[in-house]
Amino acid sequence: MLSDLAVLTPPFLVGAAFLAGVAAFLRHEMRDAKKRHDDQSDGADEPGHQGDIEDQGSGPSARNA
């Protein structure tokens, strides 16, 4: 009985190492994806960048200047 379990130990170890590697890889990739998403959304939430350029076209304020 113990010899049967001893034969199965290497495949179990390889499987466990593989699953640990997949978990570490997915954790790393998900962290990078979240970081990139947060960096992109931070620029859109900052006030004042879209209204900085004033209209210099023809209008009542341009005629009075």
Protein backbone atom coordinates (compact mmCIF):
# COMPACT_ATOMS: atom_id res chain seq x y z
CA MET A 1 0.00 0.00 0.00
CA LEU A 2 2.78 2.47 0.88
CA SER A 3 4.65 1.59 -2.30
CA ASP A 4 1.57 2.58 -4.31
CA LEU A 5 1.51 5.98 -2.62
CA ALA A 6 5.24 6.40 -3.12
CA VAL A 7 4.77 5.90 -6.84
CA LEU A 8 2.14 8.67 -6.93
CA THR A 9 4.21 11.22 -4.98
CA PRO A 10 6.20 12.66 -7.93
CA PRO A 11 3.10 13.37 -10.07
CA PHE A 12 1.41 15.01 -7.09
CA LEU A 13 4.44 17.19 -6.46
CA VAL A 14 4.68 18.20 -10.11
CA GLY A 15 0.96 18.98 -10.16
CA ALA A 16 1.17 21.04 -6.99
CA ALA A 17 4.17 22.98 -8.31
CA PHE A 18 2.35 23.61 -11.58
CA LEU A 19 -0.76 24.91 -9.81
CA ALA A 20 1.36 27.15 -7.57
CA GLY A 21 3.09 28.55 -10.65
CA VAL A 22 -0.20 29.21 -12.42
CA ALA A 23 -1.58 30.94 -9.32
CA ALA A 24 1.53 33.13 -9.01
CA PHE A 25 1.40 34.03 -12.71
CA LEU A 26 -2.29 34.95 -12.60
CA ARG A 27 -1.79 37.00 -9.46
CA HIS A 28 1.05 38.90 -11.11
CA GLU A 29 -0.90 39.52 -14.32
CA MET A 30 -4.05 40.61 -12.53
CA ARG A 31 -2.07 43.05 -10.39
CA ASP A 32 -0.48 44.60 -13.51
CA ALA A 33 -3.84 44.85 -15.25
CA LYS A 34 -5.38 46.60 -12.25
CA LYS A 35 -2.39 48.94 -12.02
CA ARG A 36 -2.68 49.86 -15.72
CA HIS A 37 -6.43 50.39 -15.38
CA ASP A 38 -5.97 52.64 -12.35
CA ASP A 39 -3.31 54.69 -14.13
CA GLN A 40 -5.54 55.25 -17.16
CA SER A 41 -8.59 56.21 -15.12
CA ASP A 42 -6.64 58.67 -12.94
CA GLY A 43 -5.97 60.99 -15.87
CA ALA A 44 -9.63 61.16 -16.86
CA ASP A 45 -10.79 62.10 -13.36
CA GLU A 46 -8.56 65.13 -12.92
CA PRO A 47 -10.54 68.37 -13.21
CA GLY A 48 -9.40 71.36 -15.20
CA HIS A 49 -7.66 69.69 -18.13
CA GLN A 50 -10.58 69.71 -20.54
CA GLY A 51 -11.65 73.32 -20.02
CA ASP A 52 -8.20 74.93 -20.11
CA ILE A 53 -8.37 75.94 -23.77
CA GLU A 54 -10.63 78.91 -24.34
CA ASP A 55 -12.43 79.47 -27.60
CA GLN A 56 -10.68 82.13 -29.67
CA GLY A 57 -13.21 82.00 -32.51
CA SER A 58 -15.76 84.57 -33.57
CA GLY A 59 -18.22 85.47 -30.88
CA PRO A 60 -19.26 88.36 -28.69
CA SER A 61 -16.23 88.02 -26.42
CA ALA A 62 -13.79 87.88 -29.38
CA ARG A 63 -15.20 91.07 -30.91
CA ASN A 64 -14.84 93.05 -27.71
CA ALA A 65 -11.20 92.09 -27.17
